[in-house]
PDB file of N, CA and C in Angstrom:
ATOM      1  N   MET A   1      89.986 133.347 118.004  1.00  0.00           N
ATOM      2  CA  MET A   1      89.984 133.185 116.578  1.00  0.00           C
ATOM      3  C   MET A   1      91.347 132.771 116.079  1.00  0.00           C
ATOM      4  N   VAL A   2      91.407 131.667 115.379  1.00  0.00           N
ATOM      5  CA  VAL A   2      92.654 131.121 114.913  1.00  0.00           C
ATOM      6  C   VAL A   2      92.789 131.360 113.418  1.00  0.00           C
ATOM      7  N   PHE A   3      93.920 131.938 113.095  1.00  0.00           N
ATOM      8  CA  PHE A   3      94.220 132.235 111.650  1.00  0.00           C
ATOM      9  C   PHE A   3      95.117 131.107 111.130  1.00  0.00           C
ATOM     10  N   LYS A   4      94.822 130.740 109.828  1.00  0.00           N
ATOM     11  CA  LYS A   4      95.663 129.833 109.143  1.00  0.00           C
ATOM     12  C   LYS A   4      96.923 130.522 108.738  1.00  0.00           C
ATOM     13  N   PRO A   5      98.081 129.809 108.799  1.00  0.00           N
ATOM     14  CA  PRO A   5      99.313 130.441 108.328  1.00  0.00           C
ATOM     15  C   PRO A   5      99.242 130.696 106.817  1.00  0.00           C
ATOM     16  N   GLN A   6      99.870 131.765 106.381  1.00  0.00           N
ATOM     17  CA  GLN A   6      99.870 132.132 104.972  1.00  0.00           C
ATOM     18  C   GLN A   6     100.747 131.106 104.190  1.00  0.00           C
ATOM     19  N   LYS A   7     100.253 130.691 103.058  1.00  0.00           N
ATOM     20  CA  LYS A   7     101.044 129.826 102.230  1.00  0.00           C
ATOM     21  C   LYS A   7     101.978 130.644 101.356  1.00  0.00           C
ATOM     22  N   THR A   8     103.260 130.378 101.457  1.00  0.00           N
ATOM     23  CA  THR A   8     104.236 131.106 100.709  1.00  0.00           C
ATOM     24  C   THR A   8     104.407 130.492  99.298  1.00  0.00           C
ATOM     25  N   ASN A   9     105.062 131.201  98.456  1.00  0.00           N
ATOM     26  CA  ASN A   9     105.283 130.749  97.086  1.00  0.00           C
ATOM     27  C   ASN A   9     106.124 129.466  97.105  1.00  0.00           C
ATOM     28  N   PHE A  10     107.144 129.413  97.991  1.00  0.00           N
ATOM     29  CA  PHE A  10     107.977 128.242  98.128  1.00  0.00           C
ATOM     30  C   PHE A  10     107.144 127.011  98.526  1.00  0.00           C
ATOM     31  N   GLN A  11     106.266 127.161  99.486  1.00  0.00           N
ATOM     32  CA  GLN A  11     105.387 126.030  99.870  1.00  0.00           C
ATOM     33  C   GLN A  11     104.518 125.543  98.734  1.00  0.00           C
ATOM     34  N   LEU A  12     103.948 126.488  98.000  1.00  0.00           N
ATOM     35  CA  LEU A  12     103.116 126.116  96.879  1.00  0.00           C
ATOM     36  C   LEU A  12     103.919 125.358  95.787  1.00  0.00           C
ATOM     37  N   ILE A  13     105.131 125.777  95.532  1.00  0.00           N
ATOM     38  CA  ILE A  13     105.961 125.114  94.500  1.00  0.00           C
ATOM     39  C   ILE A  13     106.311 123.705  94.950  1.00  0.00           C
ATOM     40  N   ILE A  14     106.648 123.518  96.217  1.00  0.00           N
ATOM     41  CA  ILE A  14     106.977 122.212  96.773  1.00  0.00           C
ATOM     42  C   ILE A  14     105.746 121.282  96.679  1.00  0.00           C
ATOM     43  N   ILE A  15     104.600 121.803  97.096  1.00  0.00           N
ATOM     44  CA  ILE A  15     103.370 120.973  97.075  1.00  0.00           C
ATOM     45  C   ILE A  15     102.995 120.564  95.692  1.00  0.00           C
ATOM     46  N   GLU A  16     103.163 121.512  94.722  1.00  0.00           N
ATOM     47  CA  GLU A  16     102.849 121.194  93.322  1.00  0.00           C
ATOM     48  C   GLU A  16     103.791 120.155  92.795  1.00  0.00           C
ATOM     49  N   ASN A  17     105.116 120.230  93.150  1.00  0.00           N
ATOM     50  CA  ASN A  17     106.066 119.257  92.657  1.00  0.00           C
ATOM     51  C   ASN A  17     105.781 117.851  93.222  1.00  0.00           C
ATOM     52  N   ILE A  18     105.394 117.800  94.502  1.00  0.00           N
ATOM     53  CA  ILE A  18     105.080 116.488  95.107  1.00  0.00           C
ATOM     54  C   ILE A  18     103.849 115.894  94.473  1.00  0.00           C
ATOM     55  N   GLN A  19     102.819 116.741  94.240  1.00  0.00           N
ATOM     56  CA  GLN A  19     101.600 116.234  93.594  1.00  0.00           C
ATOM     57  C   GLN A  19     101.895 115.803  92.141  1.00  0.00           C
ATOM     58  N   THR A  20     102.740 116.555  91.425  1.00  0.00           N
ATOM     59  CA  THR A  20     103.112 116.162  90.049  1.00  0.00           C
ATOM     60  C   THR A  20     103.845 114.819  90.072  1.00  0.00           C
ATOM     61  N   LEU A  21     104.764 114.671  91.032  1.00  0.00           N
ATOM     62  CA  LEU A  21     105.496 113.390  91.133  1.00  0.00           C
ATOM     63  C   LEU A  21     104.551 112.259  91.490  1.00  0.00           C
ATOM     64  N   SER A  22     103.590 112.501  92.324  1.00  0.00           N
ATOM     65  CA  SER A  22     102.554 111.448  92.668  1.00  0.00           C
ATOM     66  C   SER A  22     101.738 111.050  91.456  1.00  0.00           C
ATOM     67  N   ILE A  23     101.365 112.007  90.665  1.00  0.00           N
ATOM     68  CA  ILE A  23     100.603 111.692  89.431  1.00  0.00           C
ATOM     69  C   ILE A  23     101.477 110.891  88.457  1.00  0.00           C
ATOM     70  N   TRP A  24     102.769 111.321  88.305  1.00  0.00           N
ATOM     71  CA  TRP A  24     103.702 110.636  87.418  1.00  0.00           C
ATOM     72  C   TRP A  24     103.901 109.208  87.894  1.00  0.00           C
ATOM     73  N   ALA A  25     103.883 108.971  89.219  1.00  0.00           N
ATOM     74  CA  ALA A  25     104.171 107.674  89.771  1.00  0.00           C
ATOM     75  C   ALA A  25     102.938 106.780  89.958  1.00  0.00           C
ATOM     76  N   ASN A  26     101.899 107.037  89.200  1.00  0.00           N
ATOM     77  CA  ASN A  26     100.754 106.155  89.274  1.00  0.00           C
ATOM     78  C   ASN A  26     101.082 104.777  88.727  1.00  0.00           C
ATOM     79  N   ASN A  27     102.007 104.710  87.784  1.00  0.00           N
ATOM     80  CA  ASN A  27     102.468 103.445  87.254  1.00  0.00           C
ATOM     81  C   ASN A  27     103.264 102.748  88.310  1.00  0.00           C
ATOM     82  N   PRO A  28     102.980 101.509  88.670  1.00  0.00           N
ATOM     83  CA  PRO A  28     103.690 100.813  89.782  1.00  0.00           C
ATOM     84  C   PRO A  28     105.218 100.669  89.527  1.00  0.00           C
ATOM     85  N   TRP A  29     105.649 100.513  88.265  1.00  0.00           N
ATOM     86  CA  TRP A  29     107.081 100.373  87.977  1.00  0.00           C
ATOM     87  C   TRP A  29     107.774 101.707  88.294  1.00  0.00           C
ATOM     88  N   ARG A  30     107.207 102.795  87.940  1.00  0.00           N
ATOM     89  CA  ARG A  30     107.799 104.107  88.284  1.00  0.00           C
ATOM     90  C   ARG A  30     107.826 104.353  89.792  1.00  0.00           C
ATOM     91  N   ARG A  31     106.743 103.965  90.446  1.00  0.00           N
ATOM     92  CA  ARG A  31     106.661 104.186  91.899  1.00  0.00           C
ATOM     93  C   ARG A  31     107.726 103.335  92.584  1.00  0.00           C
ATOM     94  N   TYR A  32     107.901 102.116  92.204  1.00  0.00           N
ATOM     95  CA  TYR A  32     108.906 101.232  92.900  1.00  0.00           C
ATOM     96  C   TYR A  32     110.316 101.644  92.460  1.00  0.00           C
ATOM     97  N   SER A  33     110.495 102.131  91.288  1.00  0.00           N
ATOM     98  CA  SER A  33     111.882 102.542  90.915  1.00  0.00           C
ATOM     99  C   SER A  33     112.324 103.809  91.642  1.00  0.00           C
ATOM    100  N   VAL A  34     111.388 104.759  91.809  1.00  0.00           N
ATOM    101  CA  VAL A  34     111.703 105.934  92.608  1.00  0.00           C
ATOM    102  C   VAL A  34     111.909 105.527  94.103  1.00  0.00           C
ATOM    103  N   SER A  35     111.108 104.576  94.587  1.00  0.00           N
ATOM    104  CA  SER A  35     111.286 104.123  95.939  1.00  0.00           C
ATOM    105  C   SER A  35     112.654 103.446  96.138  1.00  0.00           C
ATOM    106  N   LEU A  36     113.038 102.626  95.149  1.00  0.00           N
ATOM    107  CA  LEU A  36     114.369 101.962  95.216  1.00  0.00           C
ATOM    108  C   LEU A  36     115.487 102.968  95.164  1.00  0.00           C
ATOM    109  N   ILE A  37     115.354 104.001  94.338  1.00  0.00           N
ATOM    110  CA  ILE A  37     116.410 105.048  94.259  1.00  0.00           C
ATOM    111  C   ILE A  37     116.510 105.757  95.603  1.00  0.00           C
ATOM    112  N   ILE A  38     115.381 106.088  96.258  1.00  0.00           N
ATOM    113  CA  ILE A  38     115.436 106.757  97.537  1.00  0.00           C
ATOM    114  C   ILE A  38     116.020 105.825  98.620  1.00  0.00           C
ATOM    115  N   LEU A  39     115.699 104.538  98.523  1.00  0.00           N
ATOM    116  CA  LEU A  39     116.267 103.562  99.476  1.00  0.00           C
ATOM    117  C   LEU A  39     117.766 103.515  99.326  1.00  0.00           C
ATOM    118  N   LEU A  40     118.301 103.505  98.107  1.00  0.00           N
ATOM    119  CA  LEU A  40     119.714 103.428  97.905  1.00  0.00           C
ATOM    120  C   LEU A  40     120.434 104.765  98.325  1.00  0.00           C
ATOM    121  N   ILE A  41     119.724 105.871  98.130  1.00  0.00           N
ATOM    122  CA  ILE A  41     120.256 107.168  98.662  1.00  0.00           C
ATOM    123  C   ILE A  41     120.314 107.104 100.163  1.00  0.00           C
ATOM    124  N   GLY A  42     119.305 106.551 100.823  1.00  0.00           N
ATOM    125  CA  GLY A  42     119.331 106.465 102.285  1.00  0.00           C
ATOM    126  C   GLY A  42     120.409 105.555 102.727  1.00  0.00           C
ATOM    127  N   TYR A  43     120.622 104.438 102.009  1.00  0.00           N
ATOM    128  CA  TYR A  43     121.742 103.495 102.360  1.00  0.00           C
ATOM    129  C   TYR A  43     123.070 104.181 102.227  1.00  0.00           C
ATOM    130  N   PHE A  44     123.265 104.987 101.144  1.00  0.00           N
ATOM    131  CA  PHE A  44     124.500 105.694 100.958  1.00  0.00           C
ATOM    132  C   PHE A  44     124.743 106.707 102.058  1.00  0.00           C
ATOM    133  N   LEU A  45     123.725 107.456 102.400  1.00  0.00           N
ATOM    134  CA  LEU A  45     123.825 108.414 103.509  1.00  0.00           C
ATOM    135  C   LEU A  45     124.146 107.759 104.847  1.00  0.00           C
ATOM    136  N   GLY A  46     123.469 106.651 105.160  1.00  0.00           N
ATOM    137  CA  GLY A  46     123.705 105.996 106.363  1.00  0.00           C
ATOM    138  C   GLY A  46     125.084 105.375 106.465  1.00  0.00           C
ATOM    139  N   SER A  47     125.597 104.774 105.392  1.00  0.00           N
ATOM    140  CA  SER A  47     126.929 104.183 105.433  1.00  0.00           C
ATOM    141  C   SER A  47     128.018 105.270 105.396  1.00  0.00           C
ATOM    142  N   SER A  48     127.761 106.364 104.621  1.00  0.00           N
ATOM    143  CA  SER A  48     128.825 107.391 104.620  1.00  0.00           C
ATOM    144  C   SER A  48     128.906 108.132 105.944  1.00  0.00           C
ATOM    145  N   LEU A  49     127.798 108.357 106.566  1.00  0.00           N
ATOM    146  CA  LEU A  49     127.843 109.010 107.894  1.00  0.00           C
ATOM    147  C   LEU A  49     128.491 108.125 108.929  1.00  0.00           C
ATOM    148  N   GLY A  50     128.267 106.842 108.811  1.00  0.00           N
ATOM    149  CA  GLY A  50     128.961 105.911 109.719  1.00  0.00           C
ATOM    150  C   GLY A  50     130.486 105.917 109.491  1.00  0.00           C
ATOM    151  N   MET A  51     130.869 105.965 108.212  1.00  0.00           N
ATOM    152  CA  MET A  51     132.322 105.944 107.933  1.00  0.00           C
ATOM    153  C   MET A  51     132.963 107.250 108.354  1.00  0.00           C
ATOM    154  N   VAL A  52     132.324 108.357 108.061  1.00  0.00           N
ATOM    155  CA  VAL A  52     132.922 109.647 108.426  1.00  0.00           C
ATOM    156  C   VAL A  52     132.994 109.821 109.938  1.00  0.00           C
ATOM    157  N   SER A  53     131.999 109.442 110.675  1.00  0.00           N
ATOM    158  CA  SER A  53     132.064 109.557 112.132  1.00  0.00           C
ATOM    159  C   SER A  53     133.018 108.564 112.758  1.00  0.00           C
ATOM    160  N   ALA A  54     133.293 107.419 112.072  1.00  0.00           N
ATOM    161  CA  ALA A  54     134.253 106.468 112.623  1.00  0.00           C
ATOM    162  C   ALA A  54     135.694 106.982 112.371  1.00  0.00           C
ATOM    163  N   VAL A  55     135.963 107.708 111.308  1.00  0.00           N
ATOM    164  CA  VAL A  55     137.265 108.262 111.028  1.00  0.00           C
ATOM    165  C   VAL A  55     137.586 109.354 112.035  1.00  0.00           C
ATOM    166  N   VAL A  56     136.676 110.266 112.206  1.00  0.00           N
ATOM    167  CA  VAL A  56     136.832 111.370 113.161  1.00  0.00           C
ATOM    168  C   VAL A  56     136.211 110.934 114.457  1.00  0.00           C
ATOM    169  N   GLU A  57     137.017 110.390 115.367  1.00  0.00           N
ATOM    170  CA  GLU A  57     136.475 109.741 116.577  1.00  0.00           C
ATOM    171  C   GLU A  57     135.776 110.715 117.498  1.00  0.00           C
ATOM    172  N   LEU A  58     136.043 111.996 117.381  1.00  0.00           N
ATOM    173  CA  LEU A  58     135.401 112.948 118.295  1.00  0.00           C
ATOM    174  C   LEU A  58     133.935 113.191 117.896  1.00  0.00           C
ATOM    175  N   MET A  59     133.532 112.833 116.678  1.00  0.00           N
ATOM    176  CA  MET A  59     132.236 113.161 116.233  1.00  0.00           C
ATOM    177  C   MET A  59     131.206 112.036 116.490  1.00  0.00           C
ATOM    178  N   ASP A  60     131.587 110.893 117.108  1.00  0.00           N
ATOM    179  CA  ASP A  60     130.638 109.779 117.271  1.00  0.00           C
ATOM    180  C   ASP A  60     129.392 110.133 118.011  1.00  0.00           C
ATOM    181  N   PRO A  61     129.463 110.769 119.179  1.00  0.00           N
ATOM    182  CA  PRO A  61     128.211 111.084 119.895  1.00  0.00           C
ATOM    183  C   PRO A  61     127.328 112.140 119.085  1.00  0.00           C
ATOM    184  N   ILE A  62     127.974 113.063 118.455  1.00  0.00           N
ATOM    185  CA  ILE A  62     127.222 114.054 117.719  1.00  0.00           C
ATOM    186  C   ILE A  62     126.575 113.470 116.503  1.00  0.00           C
ATOM    187  N   ALA A  63     127.285 112.594 115.799  1.00  0.00           N
ATOM    188  CA  ALA A  63     126.674 111.939 114.632  1.00  0.00           C
ATOM    189  C   ALA A  63     125.548 111.014 115.038  1.00  0.00           C
ATOM    190  N   ALA A  64     125.720 110.295 116.131  1.00  0.00           N
ATOM    191  CA  ALA A  64     124.614 109.447 116.602  1.00  0.00           C
ATOM    192  C   ALA A  64     123.399 110.243 116.978  1.00  0.00           C
ATOM    193  N   PHE A  65     123.623 111.409 117.637  1.00  0.00           N
ATOM    194  CA  PHE A  65     122.505 112.273 118.044  1.00  0.00           C
ATOM    195  C   PHE A  65     121.811 112.816 116.801  1.00  0.00           C
ATOM    196  N   LEU A  66     122.554 113.301 115.818  1.00  0.00           N
ATOM    197  CA  LEU A  66     121.930 113.847 114.614  1.00  0.00           C
ATOM    198  C   LEU A  66     121.204 112.777 113.813  1.00  0.00           C
ATOM    199  N   SER A  67     121.704 111.559 113.842  1.00  0.00           N
ATOM    200  CA  SER A  67     121.064 110.439 113.106  1.00  0.00           C
ATOM    201  C   SER A  67     119.751 110.091 113.761  1.00  0.00           C
ATOM    202  N   VAL A  68     119.739 110.023 115.074  1.00  0.00           N
ATOM    203  CA  VAL A  68     118.462 109.720 115.802  1.00  0.00           C
ATOM    204  C   VAL A  68     117.459 110.817 115.608  1.00  0.00           C
ATOM    205  N   VAL A  69     117.922 112.076 115.677  1.00  0.00           N
ATOM    206  CA  VAL A  69     116.996 113.195 115.448  1.00  0.00           C
ATOM    207  C   VAL A  69     116.409 113.153 114.059  1.00  0.00           C
ATOM    208  N   PHE A  70     117.251 112.883 113.032  1.00  0.00           N
ATOM    209  CA  PHE A  70     116.741 112.843 111.680  1.00  0.00           C
ATOM    210  C   PHE A  70     115.751 111.676 111.460  1.00  0.00           C
ATOM    211  N   ILE A  71     116.018 110.555 112.036  1.00  0.00           N
ATOM    212  CA  ILE A  71     115.101 109.388 111.927  1.00  0.00           C
ATOM    213  C   ILE A  71     113.797 109.688 112.637  1.00  0.00           C
ATOM    214  N   GLU A  72     113.878 110.351 113.804  1.00  0.00           N
ATOM    215  CA  GLU A  72     112.629 110.677 114.515  1.00  0.00           C
ATOM    216  C   GLU A  72     111.782 111.715 113.811  1.00  0.00           C
ATOM    217  N   ILE A  73     112.503 112.636 113.060  1.00  0.00           N
ATOM    218  CA  ILE A  73     111.734 113.613 112.248  1.00  0.00           C
ATOM    219  C   ILE A  73     111.028 112.866 111.135  1.00  0.00           C
ATOM    220  N   LEU A  74     111.660 111.880 110.532  1.00  0.00           N
ATOM    221  CA  LEU A  74     111.018 111.091 109.451  1.00  0.00           C
ATOM    222  C   LEU A  74     109.826 110.306 109.996  1.00  0.00           C
ATOM    223  N   ILE A  75     109.916 109.827 111.217  1.00  0.00           N
ATOM    224  CA  ILE A  75     108.790 109.122 111.826  1.00  0.00           C
ATOM    225  C   ILE A  75     107.630 110.034 112.104  1.00  0.00           C
ATOM    226  N   VAL A  76     107.879 111.253 112.615  1.00  0.00           N
ATOM    227  CA  VAL A  76     106.826 112.209 112.877  1.00  0.00           C
ATOM    228  C   VAL A  76     106.158 112.652 111.579  1.00  0.00           C
ATOM    229  N   LEU A  77     106.971 112.866 110.490  1.00  0.00           N
ATOM    230  CA  LEU A  77     106.365 113.209 109.208  1.00  0.00           C
ATOM    231  C   LEU A  77     105.501 112.042 108.651  1.00  0.00           C
ATOM    232  N   ARG A  78     105.923 110.842 108.889  1.00  0.00           N
ATOM    233  CA  ARG A  78     105.115 109.675 108.454  1.00  0.00           C
ATOM    234  C   ARG A  78     103.754 109.660 109.152  1.00  0.00           C
ATOM    235  N   ARG A  79     103.798 109.919 110.446  1.00  0.00           N
ATOM    236  CA  ARG A  79     102.511 109.915 111.234  1.00  0.00           C
ATOM    237  C   ARG A  79     101.609 110.991 110.744  1.00  0.00           C
ATOM    238  N   ASN A  80     102.148 112.153 110.330  1.00  0.00           N
ATOM    239  CA  ASN A  80     101.285 113.244 109.903  1.00  0.00           C
ATOM    240  C   ASN A  80     100.654 112.985 108.527  1.00  0.00           C
ATOM    241  N   PHE A  81     101.423 112.290 107.649  1.00  0.00           N
ATOM    242  CA  PHE A  81     100.959 112.086 106.288  1.00  0.00           C
ATOM    243  C   PHE A  81     100.276 110.758 106.087  1.00  0.00           C
ATOM    244  N   ARG A  82     100.192 109.901 107.122  1.00  0.00           N
ATOM    245  CA  ARG A  82      99.744 108.527 106.931  1.00  0.00           C
ATOM    246  C   ARG A  82      98.297 108.424 106.464  1.00  0.00           C
ATOM    247  N   PHE A  83      97.420 109.280 106.963  1.00  0.00           N
ATOM    248  CA  PHE A  83      95.943 109.088 106.672  1.00  0.00           C
ATOM    249  C   PHE A  83      95.488 109.959 105.478  1.00  0.00           C
ATOM    250  N   GLU A  84      96.358 110.731 104.896  1.00  0.00           N
ATOM    251  CA  GLU A  84      95.960 111.528 103.703  1.00  0.00           C
ATOM    252  C   GLU A  84      96.157 110.727 102.450  1.00  0.00           C
ATOM    253  N   LYS A  85      95.087 110.606 101.685  1.00  0.00           N
ATOM    254  CA  LYS A  85      95.133 109.812 100.489  1.00  0.00           C
ATOM    255  C   LYS A  85      96.091 110.369  99.437  1.00  0.00           C
ATOM    256  N   LYS A  86      96.191 111.657  99.338  1.00  0.00           N
ATOM    257  CA  LYS A  86      97.024 112.285  98.329  1.00  0.00           C
ATOM    258  C   LYS A  86      98.510 112.137  98.630  1.00  0.00           C
ATOM    259  N   LYS A  87      98.875 111.831  99.856  1.00  0.00           N
ATOM    260  CA  LYS A  87     100.260 111.812 100.253  1.00  0.00           C
ATOM    261  C   LYS A  87     100.767 110.388 100.461  1.00  0.00           C
ATOM    262  N   LYS A  88     100.140 109.386  99.909  1.00  0.00           N
ATOM    263  CA  LYS A  88     100.608 108.019 100.120  1.00  0.00           C
ATOM    264  C   LYS A  88     101.948 107.771  99.460  1.00  0.00           C
ATOM    265  N   PHE A  89     102.217 108.414  98.336  1.00  0.00           N
ATOM    266  CA  PHE A  89     103.523 108.287  97.688  1.00  0.00           C
ATOM    267  C   PHE A  89     104.642 108.930  98.502  1.00  0.00           C
ATOM    268  N   LEU A  90     104.334 110.019  99.139  1.00  0.00           N
ATOM    269  CA  LEU A  90     105.320 110.673 100.026  1.00  0.00           C
ATOM    270  C   LEU A  90     105.564 109.834 101.230  1.00  0.00           C
ATOM    271  N   VAL A  91     104.601 109.086 101.771  1.00  0.00           N
ATOM    272  CA  VAL A  91     104.815 108.176 102.903  1.00  0.00           C
ATOM    273  C   VAL A  91     105.725 107.030 102.406  1.00  0.00           C
ATOM    274  N   LEU A  92     105.504 106.540 101.221  1.00  0.00           N
ATOM    275  CA  LEU A  92     106.333 105.495 100.670  1.00  0.00           C
ATOM    276  C   LEU A  92     107.819 105.956 100.567  1.00  0.00           C
ATOM    277  N   LEU A  93     108.012 107.140 100.096  1.00  0.00           N
ATOM    278  CA  LEU A  93     109.369 107.706  99.958  1.00  0.00           C
ATOM    279  C   LEU A  93     110.040 107.902 101.363  1.00  0.00           C
ATOM    280  N   LEU A  94     109.272 108.393 102.288  1.00  0.00           N
ATOM    281  CA  LEU A  94     109.788 108.581 103.641  1.00  0.00           C
ATOM    282  C   LEU A  94     110.207 107.216 104.272  1.00  0.00           C
ATOM    283  N   ASP A  95     109.346 106.194 104.059  1.00  0.00           N
ATOM    284  CA  ASP A  95     109.693 104.871 104.568  1.00  0.00           C
ATOM    285  C   ASP A  95     110.908 104.293 103.914  1.00  0.00           C
ATOM    286  N   SER A  96     111.071 104.513 102.598  1.00  0.00           N
ATOM    287  CA  SER A  96     112.216 104.053 101.852  1.00  0.00           C
ATOM    288  C   SER A  96     113.495 104.683 102.384  1.00  0.00           C
ATOM    289  N   LEU A  97     113.400 106.012 102.552  1.00  0.00           N
ATOM    290  CA  LEU A  97     114.593 106.700 103.075  1.00  0.00           C
ATOM    291  C   LEU A  97     114.974 106.233 104.458  1.00  0.00           C
ATOM    292  N   ARG A  98     113.989 106.018 105.309  1.00  0.00           N
ATOM    293  CA  ARG A  98     114.270 105.593 106.688  1.00  0.00           C
ATOM    294  C   ARG A  98     114.843 104.147 106.682  1.00  0.00           C
ATOM    295  N   LEU A  99     114.263 103.306 105.839  1.00  0.00           N
ATOM    296  CA  LEU A  99     114.781 101.910 105.728  1.00  0.00           C
ATOM    297  C   LEU A  99     116.212 101.896 105.216  1.00  0.00           C
ATOM    298  N   GLY A 100     116.489 102.735 104.193  1.00  0.00           N
ATOM    299  CA  GLY A 100     117.869 102.823 103.682  1.00  0.00           C
ATOM    300  C   GLY A 100     118.847 103.296 104.764  1.00  0.00           C
ATOM    301  N   LEU A 101     118.427 104.273 105.544  1.00  0.00           N
ATOM    302  CA  LEU A 101     119.300 104.758 106.600  1.00  0.00           C
ATOM    303  C   LEU A 101     119.563 103.655 107.622  1.00  0.00           C
ATOM    304  N   PHE A 102     118.554 102.914 108.013  1.00  0.00           N
ATOM    305  CA  PHE A 102     118.726 101.781 108.953  1.00  0.00           C
ATOM    306  C   PHE A 102     119.687 100.750 108.434  1.00  0.00           C
ATOM    307  N   TYR A 103     119.531 100.407 107.139  1.00  0.00           N
ATOM    308  CA  TYR A 103     120.407  99.402 106.558  1.00  0.00           C
ATOM    309  C   TYR A 103     121.853  99.881 106.492  1.00  0.00           C
ATOM    310  N   GLY A 104     122.009 101.193 106.162  1.00  0.00           N
ATOM    311  CA  GLY A 104     123.348 101.751 106.142  1.00  0.00           C
ATOM    312  C   GLY A 104     124.041 101.736 107.493  1.00  0.00           C
ATOM    313  N   PHE A 105     123.293 102.117 108.557  1.00  0.00           N
ATOM    314  CA  PHE A 105     123.816 102.138 109.869  1.00  0.00           C
ATOM    315  C   PHE A 105     124.103 100.692 110.325  1.00  0.00           C
ATOM    316  N   PHE A 106     123.234  99.775 109.947  1.00  0.00           N
ATOM    317  CA  PHE A 106     123.412  98.382 110.366  1.00  0.00           C
ATOM    318  C   PHE A 106     124.658  97.749 109.732  1.00  0.00           C
ATOM    319  N   THR A 107     124.838  97.975 108.462  1.00  0.00           N
ATOM    320  CA  THR A 107     126.061  97.398 107.837  1.00  0.00           C
ATOM    321  C   THR A 107     127.302  98.036 108.320  1.00  0.00           C
ATOM    322  N   GLU A 108     127.271  99.319 108.670  1.00  0.00           N
ATOM    323  CA  GLU A 108     128.461  99.972 109.245  1.00  0.00           C
ATOM    324  C   GLU A 108     128.738  99.438 110.664  1.00  0.00           C
ATOM    325  N   SER A 109     127.715  99.060 111.399  1.00  0.00           N
ATOM    326  CA  SER A 109     127.889  98.522 112.725  1.00  0.00           C
ATOM    327  C   SER A 109     128.465  97.108 112.621  1.00  0.00           C
ATOM    328  N   LEU A 110     128.143  96.380 111.570  1.00  0.00           N
ATOM    329  CA  LEU A 110     128.713  95.027 111.418  1.00  0.00           C
ATOM    330  C   LEU A 110     130.190  95.094 111.070  1.00  0.00           C
ATOM    331  N   LYS A 111     130.610  96.190 110.402  1.00  0.00           N
ATOM    332  CA  LYS A 111     132.030  96.348 110.099  1.00  0.00           C
ATOM    333  C   LYS A 111     132.867  96.510 111.346  1.00  0.00           C
ATOM    334  N   LEU A 112     132.252  97.041 112.434  1.00  0.00           N
ATOM    335  CA  LEU A 112     133.001  97.336 113.656  1.00  0.00           C
ATOM    336  C   LEU A 112     133.186  96.076 114.486  1.00  0.00           C
ATOM    337  N   LEU A 113     132.488  94.941 114.216  1.00  0.00           N
ATOM    338  CA  LEU A 113     132.633  93.768 114.964  1.00  0.00           C
ATOM    339  C   LEU A 113     133.842  93.049 114.658  1.00  0.00           C
TER     340      LEU A 113
END
């Protein structure tokens, strides 16, 4: 007999906020503006992590490892939410964040050439 895990108050608040944000983002302009903001946040995080790890030369392998782990977590979350109709907006936000991180890392790598 398998029991479902208990939903905590924190989980319910997060789920309600994501659903409220999804309802608010039914308008395409709102959806794309939030997606663009998340993409720019991802770009900022990717470029700042690249700069910080380049200044402190001891942190390069650790920063690379943490970056790969974070991106892999985003990929796993995308696979889990891909087929749920209610979470399409969340998938869009995860993809925007991942794309912003990739662009940030890519531009930082071009600076090293």
